[in-house]
Amino acid sequence: MTAITFPPSSEAHKERATQEPTWVRYALIGLALAFLTLFLFIPLISVFYEALKKGVDVYLAAITDPDAVSAIQLTLIVAAIAVPLNLIFGVAAAWAIAKFEFRGKNLLITLIDLPFSVSPVVSGLIYVLIFGLQGWLGPWLAEHDIQIIFAVPGIVLATVFVTVPFIARELIPLMQAQGTEEEEAAVVLGASGWQTFYRVTLPNIKWGLLYGSILCNARAMGEFGAVSVVSGHIRGSTNTMPLHVEILYNEYNFAAAFAVASLLALLALVTLALKTLVESRNRQHQKQRGHQ
């Protein structure tokens, strides 16, 4: 009799597909570590080394300088305005795209992705063209003593533009994957629109919402190109932390430049830690839902 053979199971296929020779695995790990060391760890260590090279007193003097304090405050203010605005827009856009069918849906998705394809410098120039003194609305704004460009409102507008996709793009695939069944069931049971969102939709998207907000905040604090165009580089007034670092570096004040840059690096590390924590909690949440 001829023995009957069965094809390997899908689990066997998966196991075989992930079992590479030992030298391949170590080569890939070594390549990844070499890349991270060269382009991440060494630059990061050098920032803190240069910041503290002349002593803690020089470091503290640099970050407590009035211009530095003003730049730090402005960066935090801009982020505190831009992130909630993008939070509201991101949730509304994701809900509309994921839960409803309407004319112009693809256009809305394309517009959300627009800041990814447009240079931040170009986006800043667009705002100058619209709100600048020689721009489309410039004369009217000047007549009513309203200043957008070279002032905080222009910096906020430019920051909001470049950070638009982060929250929306995090929520759209998540809400599409969840479908509309739970919301429809809530409506059938008599829940209002707000109750449906607060008790059904929000708990399902909270980790994605938090993850997108963290990324949005990181980009808002570190944005340079668009803000550089609309700020006017006024020390103590319209300079954010990245712009202040540039000015100090161009003045050959390297210790102060790296001191302020180290604060941005610390913010990046905190953002990375929060991102890792959110991802871990999200995985635990998904596992708990899978066991239920």
C-alpha atoms as a PDB file:
ATOM      1  CA  MET A   1       0.000   0.000   0.000  1.00  0.00           C
ATOM      2  CA  THR A   2       1.086   3.514  -0.755  1.00  0.00           C
ATOM      3  CA  ALA A   3       1.394   5.660   2.330  1.00  0.00           C
ATOM      4  CA  ILE A   4      -0.895   8.658   2.350  1.00  0.00           C
ATOM      5  CA  THR A   5       0.927  11.874   3.110  1.00  0.00           C
ATOM      6  CA  PHE A   6      -0.774  15.026   4.284  1.00  0.00           C
ATOM      7  CA  PRO A   7       0.489  18.542   3.597  1.00  0.00           C
ATOM      8  CA  PRO A   8       2.018  20.249   6.609  1.00  0.00           C
ATOM      9  CA  SER A   9      -0.362  22.280   8.699  1.00  0.00           C
ATOM     10  CA  SER A  10      -0.486  26.043   8.615  1.00  0.00           C
ATOM     11  CA  GLU A  11       1.174  26.094  12.034  1.00  0.00           C
ATOM     12  CA  ALA A  12       4.070  24.054  10.645  1.00  0.00           C
ATOM     13  CA  HIS A  13       4.336  26.488   7.720  1.00  0.00           C
ATOM     14  CA  LYS A  14       4.466  29.425  10.134  1.00  0.00           C
ATOM     15  CA  GLU A  15       7.095  27.744  12.301  1.00  0.00           C
ATOM     16  CA  ARG A  16       9.246  26.899   9.283  1.00  0.00           C
ATOM     17  CA  ALA A  17       8.875  30.405   7.848  1.00  0.00           C
ATOM     18  CA  THR A  18      10.237  31.982  11.039  1.00  0.00           C
ATOM     19  CA  GLN A  19      13.149  29.583  11.509  1.00  0.00           C
ATOM     20  CA  GLU A  20      16.148  31.060   9.781  1.00  0.00           C
ATOM     21  CA  PRO A  21      19.725  29.766  10.072  1.00  0.00           C
ATOM     22  CA  THR A  22      21.535  31.002  13.158  1.00  0.00           C
ATOM     23  CA  TRP A  23      24.023  33.081  11.181  1.00  0.00           C
ATOM     24  CA  VAL A  24      21.197  34.878   9.367  1.00  0.00           C
ATOM     25  CA  ARG A  25      19.504  35.821  12.627  1.00  0.00           C
ATOM     26  CA  TYR A  26      22.707  37.072  14.226  1.00  0.00           C
ATOM     27  CA  ALA A  27      23.664  38.954  11.067  1.00  0.00           C
ATOM     28  CA  LEU A  28      20.307  40.755  11.015  1.00  0.00           C
ATOM     29  CA  ILE A  29      20.499  41.539  14.737  1.00  0.00           C
ATOM     30  CA  GLY A  30      24.065  42.811  14.364  1.00  0.00           C
ATOM     31  CA  LEU A  31      23.095  44.976  11.390  1.00  0.00           C
ATOM     32  CA  ALA A  32      20.176  46.479  13.294  1.00  0.00           C
ATOM     33  CA  LEU A  33      22.331  47.185  16.365  1.00  0.00           C
ATOM     34  CA  ALA A  34      25.088  48.728  14.237  1.00  0.00           C
ATOM     35  CA  PHE A  35      22.566  50.979  12.511  1.00  0.00           C
ATOM     36  CA  LEU A  36      20.996  52.050  15.813  1.00  0.00           C
ATOM     37  CA  THR A  37      24.406  52.682  17.367  1.00  0.00           C
ATOM     38  CA  LEU A  38      25.633  54.800  14.455  1.00  0.00           C
ATOM     39  CA  PHE A  39      22.499  56.833  13.799  1.00  0.00           C
ATOM     40  CA  LEU A  40      20.766  56.916  17.202  1.00  0.00           C
ATOM     41  CA  PHE A  41      22.848  56.046  20.258  1.00  0.00           C
ATOM     42  CA  ILE A  42      26.068  57.898  19.358  1.00  0.00           C
ATOM     43  CA  PRO A  43      24.297  61.152  18.330  1.00  0.00           C
ATOM     44  CA  LEU A  44      22.096  60.993  21.434  1.00  0.00           C
ATOM     45  CA  ILE A  45      25.050  60.472  23.768  1.00  0.00           C
ATOM     46  CA  SER A  46      27.009  63.233  22.037  1.00  0.00           C
ATOM     47  CA  VAL A  47      24.180  65.722  22.639  1.00  0.00           C
ATOM     48  CA  PHE A  48      24.298  65.176  26.394  1.00  0.00           C
ATOM     49  CA  TYR A  49      28.102  65.056  26.400  1.00  0.00           C
ATOM     50  CA  GLU A  50      28.396  68.402  24.619  1.00  0.00           C
ATOM     51  CA  ALA A  51      25.677  69.920  26.808  1.00  0.00           C
ATOM     52  CA  LEU A  52      27.486  69.003  30.041  1.00  0.00           C
ATOM     53  CA  LYS A  53      31.068  69.306  28.791  1.00  0.00           C
ATOM     54  CA  LYS A  54      31.600  72.739  30.349  1.00  0.00           C
ATOM     55  CA  GLY A  55      29.973  71.844  33.630  1.00  0.00           C
ATOM     56  CA  VAL A  56      26.582  71.769  35.268  1.00  0.00           C
ATOM     57  CA  ASP A  57      26.672  75.506  36.020  1.00  0.00           C
ATOM     58  CA  VAL A  58      26.991  76.395  32.340  1.00  0.00           C
ATOM     59  CA  TYR A  59      24.246  73.900  31.522  1.00  0.00           C
ATOM     60  CA  LEU A  60      21.831  75.330  34.074  1.00  0.00           C
ATOM     61  CA  ALA A  61      22.649  78.892  32.995  1.00  0.00           C
ATOM     62  CA  ALA A  62      21.828  77.993  29.390  1.00  0.00           C
ATOM     63  CA  ILE A  63      18.425  76.441  30.093  1.00  0.00           C
ATOM     64  CA  THR A  64      17.431  79.162  32.596  1.00  0.00           C
ATOM     65  CA  ASP A  65      18.384  82.013  30.279  1.00  0.00           C
ATOM     66  CA  PRO A  66      15.314  84.249  29.688  1.00  0.00           C
ATOM     67  CA  ASP A  67      15.332  83.555  25.936  1.00  0.00           C
ATOM     68  CA  ALA A  68      15.565  79.810  26.562  1.00  0.00           C
ATOM     69  CA  VAL A  69      12.755  79.930  29.120  1.00  0.00           C
ATOM     70  CA  SER A  70      10.616  81.881  26.637  1.00  0.00           C
ATOM     71  CA  ALA A  71      11.337  79.301  23.918  1.00  0.00           C
ATOM     72  CA  ILE A  72      10.432  76.439  26.263  1.00  0.00           C
ATOM     73  CA  GLN A  73       7.194  78.140  27.317  1.00  0.00           C
ATOM     74  CA  LEU A  74       6.199  78.883  23.721  1.00  0.00           C
ATOM     75  CA  THR A  75       6.907  75.293  22.666  1.00  0.00           C
ATOM     76  CA  LEU A  76       4.689  73.957  25.447  1.00  0.00           C
ATOM     77  CA  ILE A  77       1.925  76.469  24.674  1.00  0.00           C
ATOM     78  CA  VAL A  78       1.904  75.624  20.971  1.00  0.00           C
ATOM     79  CA  ALA A  79       1.801  71.893  21.713  1.00  0.00           C
ATOM     80  CA  ALA A  80      -0.968  72.419  24.287  1.00  0.00           C
ATOM     81  CA  ILE A  81      -3.086  74.114  21.605  1.00  0.00           C
ATOM     82  CA  ALA A  82      -2.185  71.987  18.574  1.00  0.00           C
ATOM     83  CA  VAL A  83      -2.657  68.557  20.153  1.00  0.00           C
ATOM     84  CA  PRO A  84      -6.262  69.091  21.425  1.00  0.00           C
ATOM     85  CA  LEU A  85      -7.266  70.637  18.077  1.00  0.00           C
ATOM     86  CA  ASN A  86      -5.863  67.645  16.216  1.00  0.00           C
ATOM     87  CA  LEU A  87      -7.483  65.357  18.779  1.00  0.00           C
ATOM     88  CA  ILE A  88     -10.931  66.757  18.001  1.00  0.00           C
ATOM     89  CA  PHE A  89     -10.342  66.725  14.254  1.00  0.00           C
ATOM     90  CA  GLY A  90      -8.770  63.272  14.268  1.00  0.00           C
ATOM     91  CA  VAL A  91     -11.638  61.648  16.152  1.00  0.00           C
ATOM     92  CA  ALA A  92     -14.278  63.387  14.013  1.00  0.00           C
ATOM     93  CA  ALA A  93     -12.535  62.544  10.729  1.00  0.00           C
ATOM     94  CA  ALA A  94     -11.827  58.942  11.708  1.00  0.00           C
ATOM     95  CA  TRP A  95     -15.406  58.419  12.864  1.00  0.00           C
ATOM     96  CA  ALA A  96     -16.811  59.870   9.629  1.00  0.00           C
ATOM     97  CA  ILE A  97     -14.458  57.854   7.406  1.00  0.00           C
ATOM     98  CA  ALA A  98     -14.765  54.560   9.285  1.00  0.00           C
ATOM     99  CA  LYS A  99     -18.466  54.586  10.140  1.00  0.00           C
ATOM    100  CA  PHE A 100     -20.157  56.334   7.199  1.00  0.00           C
ATOM    101  CA  GLU A 101     -20.212  56.332   3.409  1.00  0.00           C
ATOM    102  CA  PHE A 102     -20.402  59.760   1.778  1.00  0.00           C
ATOM    103  CA  ARG A 103     -19.352  61.586  -1.365  1.00  0.00           C
ATOM    104  CA  GLY A 104     -15.822  62.988  -1.106  1.00  0.00           C
ATOM    105  CA  LYS A 105     -14.615  60.359   1.366  1.00  0.00           C
ATOM    106  CA  ASN A 106     -11.492  59.541  -0.654  1.00  0.00           C
ATOM    107  CA  LEU A 107     -10.766  63.252  -1.025  1.00  0.00           C
ATOM    108  CA  LEU A 108     -10.921  63.689   2.761  1.00  0.00           C
ATOM    109  CA  ILE A 109      -8.467  60.821   3.246  1.00  0.00           C
ATOM    110  CA  THR A 110      -6.135  62.388   0.689  1.00  0.00           C
ATOM    111  CA  LEU A 111      -6.294  65.779   2.395  1.00  0.00           C
ATOM    112  CA  ILE A 112      -5.468  64.201   5.756  1.00  0.00           C
ATOM    113  CA  ASP A 113      -2.320  62.719   4.216  1.00  0.00           C
ATOM    114  CA  LEU A 114      -1.356  66.001   2.515  1.00  0.00           C
ATOM    115  CA  PRO A 115       1.056  67.204   5.265  1.00  0.00           C
ATOM    116  CA  PHE A 116       3.068  64.003   4.799  1.00  0.00           C
ATOM    117  CA  SER A 117       3.701  64.823   1.137  1.00  0.00           C
ATOM    118  CA  VAL A 118       4.202  68.586   1.408  1.00  0.00           C
ATOM    119  CA  SER A 119       7.455  70.011   2.729  1.00  0.00           C
ATOM    120  CA  PRO A 120       6.974  71.809   6.066  1.00  0.00           C
ATOM    121  CA  VAL A 121       8.749  74.829   4.596  1.00  0.00           C
ATOM    122  CA  VAL A 122       6.200  74.958   1.776  1.00  0.00           C
ATOM    123  CA  SER A 123       3.334  74.768   4.260  1.00  0.00           C
ATOM    124  CA  GLY A 124       4.836  77.695   6.153  1.00  0.00           C
ATOM    125  CA  LEU A 125       5.119  79.702   2.933  1.00  0.00           C
ATOM    126  CA  ILE A 126       1.441  78.989   2.204  1.00  0.00           C
ATOM    127  CA  TYR A 127       0.464  80.645   5.477  1.00  0.00           C
ATOM    128  CA  VAL A 128       2.716  83.606   4.682  1.00  0.00           C
ATOM    129  CA  LEU A 129       0.986  83.892   1.298  1.00  0.00           C
ATOM    130  CA  ILE A 130      -2.424  83.925   2.969  1.00  0.00           C
ATOM    131  CA  PHE A 131      -1.847  85.896   6.188  1.00  0.00           C
ATOM    132  CA  GLY A 132       1.352  87.843   5.483  1.00  0.00           C
ATOM    133  CA  LEU A 133       1.390  91.607   5.084  1.00  0.00           C
ATOM    134  CA  GLN A 134       1.522  91.235   1.293  1.00  0.00           C
ATOM    135  CA  GLY A 135      -0.722  88.167   1.304  1.00  0.00           C
ATOM    136  CA  TRP A 136      -4.346  87.670   0.402  1.00  0.00           C
ATOM    137  CA  LEU A 137      -5.708  88.625   3.837  1.00  0.00           C
ATOM    138  CA  GLY A 138      -2.736  90.773   4.904  1.00  0.00           C
ATOM    139  CA  PRO A 139      -4.214  94.228   4.251  1.00  0.00           C
ATOM    140  CA  TRP A 140      -7.481  93.368   6.018  1.00  0.00           C
ATOM    141  CA  LEU A 141      -5.619  91.929   9.016  1.00  0.00           C
ATOM    142  CA  ALA A 142      -3.391  95.023   9.186  1.00  0.00           C
ATOM    143  CA  GLU A 143      -6.434  97.305   9.143  1.00  0.00           C
ATOM    144  CA  HIS A 144      -7.929  95.449  12.104  1.00  0.00           C
ATOM    145  CA  ASP A 145      -4.583  95.218  13.944  1.00  0.00           C
ATOM    146  CA  ILE A 146      -4.530  91.418  13.808  1.00  0.00           C
ATOM    147  CA  GLN A 147      -1.132  89.744  13.464  1.00  0.00           C
ATOM    148  CA  ILE A 148      -0.920  86.122  12.384  1.00  0.00           C
ATOM    149  CA  ILE A 149       2.486  85.793  10.748  1.00  0.00           C
ATOM    150  CA  PHE A 150       5.542  86.438  12.949  1.00  0.00           C
ATOM    151  CA  ALA A 151       3.343  85.858  15.995  1.00  0.00           C
ATOM    152  CA  VAL A 152       2.033  82.971  18.075  1.00  0.00           C
ATOM    153  CA  PRO A 153      -1.147  82.380  15.975  1.00  0.00           C
ATOM    154  CA  GLY A 154       0.947  81.714  12.866  1.00  0.00           C
ATOM    155  CA  ILE A 155       3.153  79.258  14.758  1.00  0.00           C
ATOM    156  CA  VAL A 156       0.072  77.430  16.036  1.00  0.00           C
ATOM    157  CA  LEU A 157      -1.478  77.268  12.551  1.00  0.00           C
ATOM    158  CA  ALA A 158       1.718  75.905  11.002  1.00  0.00           C
ATOM    159  CA  THR A 159       2.114  73.332  13.788  1.00  0.00           C
ATOM    160  CA  VAL A 160      -1.490  72.190  13.515  1.00  0.00           C
ATOM    161  CA  PHE A 161      -1.054  71.705   9.767  1.00  0.00           C
ATOM    162  CA  VAL A 162       2.038  69.503   9.975  1.00  0.00           C
ATOM    163  CA  THR A 163       0.566  67.394  12.805  1.00  0.00           C
ATOM    164  CA  VAL A 164      -2.900  66.825  11.298  1.00  0.00           C
ATOM    165  CA  PRO A 165      -2.349  63.212  10.134  1.00  0.00           C
ATOM    166  CA  PHE A 166      -0.976  61.679  13.315  1.00  0.00           C
ATOM    167  CA  ILE A 167      -4.135  61.100  15.351  1.00  0.00           C
ATOM    168  CA  ALA A 168      -6.510  60.627  12.405  1.00  0.00           C
ATOM    169  CA  ARG A 169      -4.207  58.127  10.694  1.00  0.00           C
ATOM    170  CA  GLU A 170      -3.874  56.137  13.921  1.00  0.00           C
ATOM    171  CA  LEU A 171      -7.638  55.945  14.447  1.00  0.00           C
ATOM    172  CA  ILE A 172      -8.952  55.357  10.909  1.00  0.00           C
ATOM    173  CA  PRO A 173      -7.704  51.751  10.436  1.00  0.00           C
ATOM    174  CA  LEU A 174      -8.526  50.924  14.061  1.00  0.00           C
ATOM    175  CA  MET A 175     -12.134  52.104  13.749  1.00  0.00           C
ATOM    176  CA  GLN A 176     -12.518  50.468  10.332  1.00  0.00           C
ATOM    177  CA  ALA A 177     -11.385  47.138  11.774  1.00  0.00           C
ATOM    178  CA  GLN A 178     -13.879  47.412  14.637  1.00  0.00           C
ATOM    179  CA  GLY A 179     -16.820  47.937  12.292  1.00  0.00           C
ATOM    180  CA  THR A 180     -20.164  49.488  13.237  1.00  0.00           C
ATOM    181  CA  GLU A 181     -21.967  46.593  14.900  1.00  0.00           C
ATOM    182  CA  GLU A 182     -21.465  47.764  18.498  1.00  0.00           C
ATOM    183  CA  GLU A 183     -22.546  51.344  17.717  1.00  0.00           C
ATOM    184  CA  GLU A 184     -25.619  50.090  15.846  1.00  0.00           C
ATOM    185  CA  ALA A 185     -26.552  47.869  18.790  1.00  0.00           C
ATOM    186  CA  ALA A 186     -26.200  50.808  21.186  1.00  0.00           C
ATOM    187  CA  VAL A 187     -28.471  52.972  19.020  1.00  0.00           C
ATOM    188  CA  VAL A 188     -31.070  50.186  18.801  1.00  0.00           C
ATOM    189  CA  LEU A 189     -31.038  49.969  22.607  1.00  0.00           C
ATOM    190  CA  GLY A 190     -31.823  53.675  22.806  1.00  0.00           C
ATOM    191  CA  ALA A 191     -28.430  55.285  23.364  1.00  0.00           C
ATOM    192  CA  SER A 192     -27.925  58.833  22.116  1.00  0.00           C
ATOM    193  CA  GLY A 193     -25.055  59.821  19.837  1.00  0.00           C
ATOM    194  CA  TRP A 194     -22.955  61.096  22.750  1.00  0.00           C
ATOM    195  CA  GLN A 195     -23.704  58.021  24.872  1.00  0.00           C
ATOM    196  CA  THR A 196     -22.731  55.760  21.977  1.00  0.00           C
ATOM    197  CA  PHE A 197     -19.441  57.574  21.547  1.00  0.00           C
ATOM    198  CA  TYR A 198     -18.601  57.794  25.259  1.00  0.00           C
ATOM    199  CA  ARG A 199     -19.606  54.266  26.287  1.00  0.00           C
ATOM    200  CA  VAL A 200     -18.919  52.242  23.123  1.00  0.00           C
ATOM    201  CA  THR A 201     -16.588  53.975  20.674  1.00  0.00           C
ATOM    202  CA  LEU A 202     -14.195  55.726  23.071  1.00  0.00           C
ATOM    203  CA  PRO A 203     -13.313  52.628  25.149  1.00  0.00           C
ATOM    204  CA  ASN A 204     -12.476  50.761  21.939  1.00  0.00           C
ATOM    205  CA  ILE A 205     -10.175  53.478  20.583  1.00  0.00           C
ATOM    206  CA  LYS A 206      -8.648  54.873  23.784  1.00  0.00           C
ATOM    207  CA  TRP A 207      -5.228  53.239  23.325  1.00  0.00           C
ATOM    208  CA  GLY A 208      -4.974  54.273  19.687  1.00  0.00           C
ATOM    209  CA  LEU A 209      -6.104  57.759  20.658  1.00  0.00           C
ATOM    210  CA  LEU A 210      -3.435  58.016  23.338  1.00  0.00           C
ATOM    211  CA  TYR A 211      -0.768  56.613  21.005  1.00  0.00           C
ATOM    212  CA  GLY A 212      -1.620  59.114  18.259  1.00  0.00           C
ATOM    213  CA  SER A 213      -1.672  61.997  20.748  1.00  0.00           C
ATOM    214  CA  ILE A 214       1.821  61.111  21.980  1.00  0.00           C
ATOM    215  CA  LEU A 215       3.198  61.107  18.426  1.00  0.00           C
ATOM    216  CA  CYS A 216       1.352  64.326  17.617  1.00  0.00           C
ATOM    217  CA  ASN A 217       2.781  66.031  20.700  1.00  0.00           C
ATOM    218  CA  ALA A 218       6.316  64.898  19.857  1.00  0.00           C
ATOM    219  CA  ARG A 219       6.068  66.302  16.332  1.00  0.00           C
ATOM    220  CA  ALA A 220       4.495  69.552  17.574  1.00  0.00           C
ATOM    221  CA  MET A 221       7.361  70.191  19.989  1.00  0.00           C
ATOM    222  CA  GLY A 222      10.061  69.280  17.497  1.00  0.00           C
ATOM    223  CA  GLU A 223       8.700  70.998  14.376  1.00  0.00           C
ATOM    224  CA  PHE A 224      11.235  73.271  12.724  1.00  0.00           C
ATOM    225  CA  GLY A 225      10.612  73.930   9.018  1.00  0.00           C
ATOM    226  CA  ALA A 226       7.086  75.345   8.990  1.00  0.00           C
ATOM    227  CA  VAL A 227       7.556  77.216  12.274  1.00  0.00           C
ATOM    228  CA  SER A 228      10.831  78.717  11.042  1.00  0.00           C
ATOM    229  CA  VAL A 229       9.058  80.338   8.090  1.00  0.00           C
ATOM    230  CA  VAL A 230       6.169  81.901  10.034  1.00  0.00           C
ATOM    231  CA  SER A 231       7.912  82.798  13.306  1.00  0.00           C
ATOM    232  CA  GLY A 232      10.212  85.637  12.267  1.00  0.00           C
ATOM    233  CA  HIS A 233      12.903  84.320  14.665  1.00  0.00           C
ATOM    234  CA  ILE A 234      12.180  86.993  17.293  1.00  0.00           C
ATOM    235  CA  ARG A 235      14.191  86.091  20.385  1.00  0.00           C
ATOM    236  CA  GLY A 236      12.161  85.910  23.544  1.00  0.00           C
ATOM    237  CA  SER A 237       8.920  86.157  21.576  1.00  0.00           C
ATOM    238  CA  THR A 238       8.423  83.781  18.621  1.00  0.00           C
ATOM    239  CA  ASN A 239      11.304  81.331  18.969  1.00  0.00           C
ATOM    240  CA  THR A 240      10.423  77.766  19.866  1.00  0.00           C
ATOM    241  CA  MET A 241      13.048  75.392  21.233  1.00  0.00           C
ATOM    242  CA  PRO A 242      14.261  74.079  17.843  1.00  0.00           C
ATOM    243  CA  LEU A 243      14.592  77.647  16.530  1.00  0.00           C
ATOM    244  CA  HIS A 244      16.413  78.748  19.669  1.00  0.00           C
ATOM    245  CA  VAL A 245      18.875  75.870  19.246  1.00  0.00           C
ATOM    246  CA  GLU A 246      19.551  76.962  15.666  1.00  0.00           C
ATOM    247  CA  ILE A 247      20.234  80.559  16.685  1.00  0.00           C
ATOM    248  CA  LEU A 248      22.593  79.556  19.487  1.00  0.00           C
ATOM    249  CA  TYR A 249      24.455  77.171  17.191  1.00  0.00           C
ATOM    250  CA  ASN A 250      24.818  79.809  14.458  1.00  0.00           C
ATOM    251  CA  GLU A 251      26.267  82.142  17.095  1.00  0.00           C
ATOM    252  CA  TYR A 252      28.865  79.459  17.985  1.00  0.00           C
ATOM    253  CA  ASN A 253      27.381  79.183  21.462  1.00  0.00           C
ATOM    254  CA  PHE A 254      27.653  75.415  21.294  1.00  0.00           C
ATOM    255  CA  ALA A 255      27.288  74.660  25.009  1.00  0.00           C
ATOM    256  CA  ALA A 256      23.990  76.541  25.250  1.00  0.00           C
ATOM    257  CA  ALA A 257      22.760  75.090  21.947  1.00  0.00           C
ATOM    258  CA  PHE A 258      23.406  71.527  23.082  1.00  0.00           C
ATOM    259  CA  ALA A 259      21.919  72.269  26.512  1.00  0.00           C
ATOM    260  CA  VAL A 260      18.575  73.277  24.990  1.00  0.00           C
ATOM    261  CA  ALA A 261      18.887  70.427  22.478  1.00  0.00           C
ATOM    262  CA  SER A 262      19.281  68.021  25.388  1.00  0.00           C
ATOM    263  CA  LEU A 263      15.864  69.088  26.661  1.00  0.00           C
ATOM    264  CA  LEU A 264      14.383  68.178  23.288  1.00  0.00           C
ATOM    265  CA  ALA A 265      16.230  64.862  23.469  1.00  0.00           C
ATOM    266  CA  LEU A 266      14.785  64.225  26.930  1.00  0.00           C
ATOM    267  CA  LEU A 267      11.317  64.979  25.588  1.00  0.00           C
ATOM    268  CA  ALA A 268      11.963  62.467  22.801  1.00  0.00           C
ATOM    269  CA  LEU A 269      13.030  59.822  25.325  1.00  0.00           C
ATOM    270  CA  VAL A 270       9.955  60.471  27.462  1.00  0.00           C
ATOM    271  CA  THR A 271       7.809  60.202  24.336  1.00  0.00           C
ATOM    272  CA  LEU A 272       9.471  56.904  23.459  1.00  0.00           C
ATOM    273  CA  ALA A 273       8.877  55.570  26.964  1.00  0.00           C
ATOM    274  CA  LEU A 274       5.206  56.587  26.874  1.00  0.00           C
ATOM    275  CA  LYS A 275       4.826  55.076  23.403  1.00  0.00           C
ATOM    276  CA  THR A 276       6.293  51.773  24.613  1.00  0.00           C
ATOM    277  CA  LEU A 277       4.029  51.789  27.668  1.00  0.00           C
ATOM    278  CA  VAL A 278       0.926  52.452  25.569  1.00  0.00           C
ATOM    279  CA  GLU A 279       1.848  49.686  23.119  1.00  0.00           C
ATOM    280  CA  SER A 280       2.362  47.250  26.016  1.00  0.00           C
ATOM    281  CA  ARG A 281      -0.960  48.160  27.620  1.00  0.00           C
ATOM    282  CA  ASN A 282      -2.684  47.881  24.252  1.00  0.00           C
ATOM    283  CA  ARG A 283      -1.295  44.373  23.705  1.00  0.00           C
ATOM    284  CA  GLN A 284      -2.448  43.336  27.185  1.00  0.00           C
ATOM    285  CA  HIS A 285      -5.888  44.799  26.483  1.00  0.00           C
ATOM    286  CA  GLN A 286      -6.166  42.886  23.204  1.00  0.00           C
ATOM    287  CA  LYS A 287      -5.109  39.634  24.891  1.00  0.00           C
ATOM    288  CA  GLN A 288      -7.739  40.126  27.605  1.00  0.00           C
ATOM    289  CA  ARG A 289     -10.411  40.733  24.985  1.00  0.00           C
ATOM    290  CA  GLY A 290      -9.266  37.642  23.094  1.00  0.00           C
ATOM    291  CA  HIS A 291      -9.663  35.448  26.195  1.00  0.00           C
ATOM    292  CA  GLN A 292     -13.132  36.772  26.934  1.00  0.00           C
END
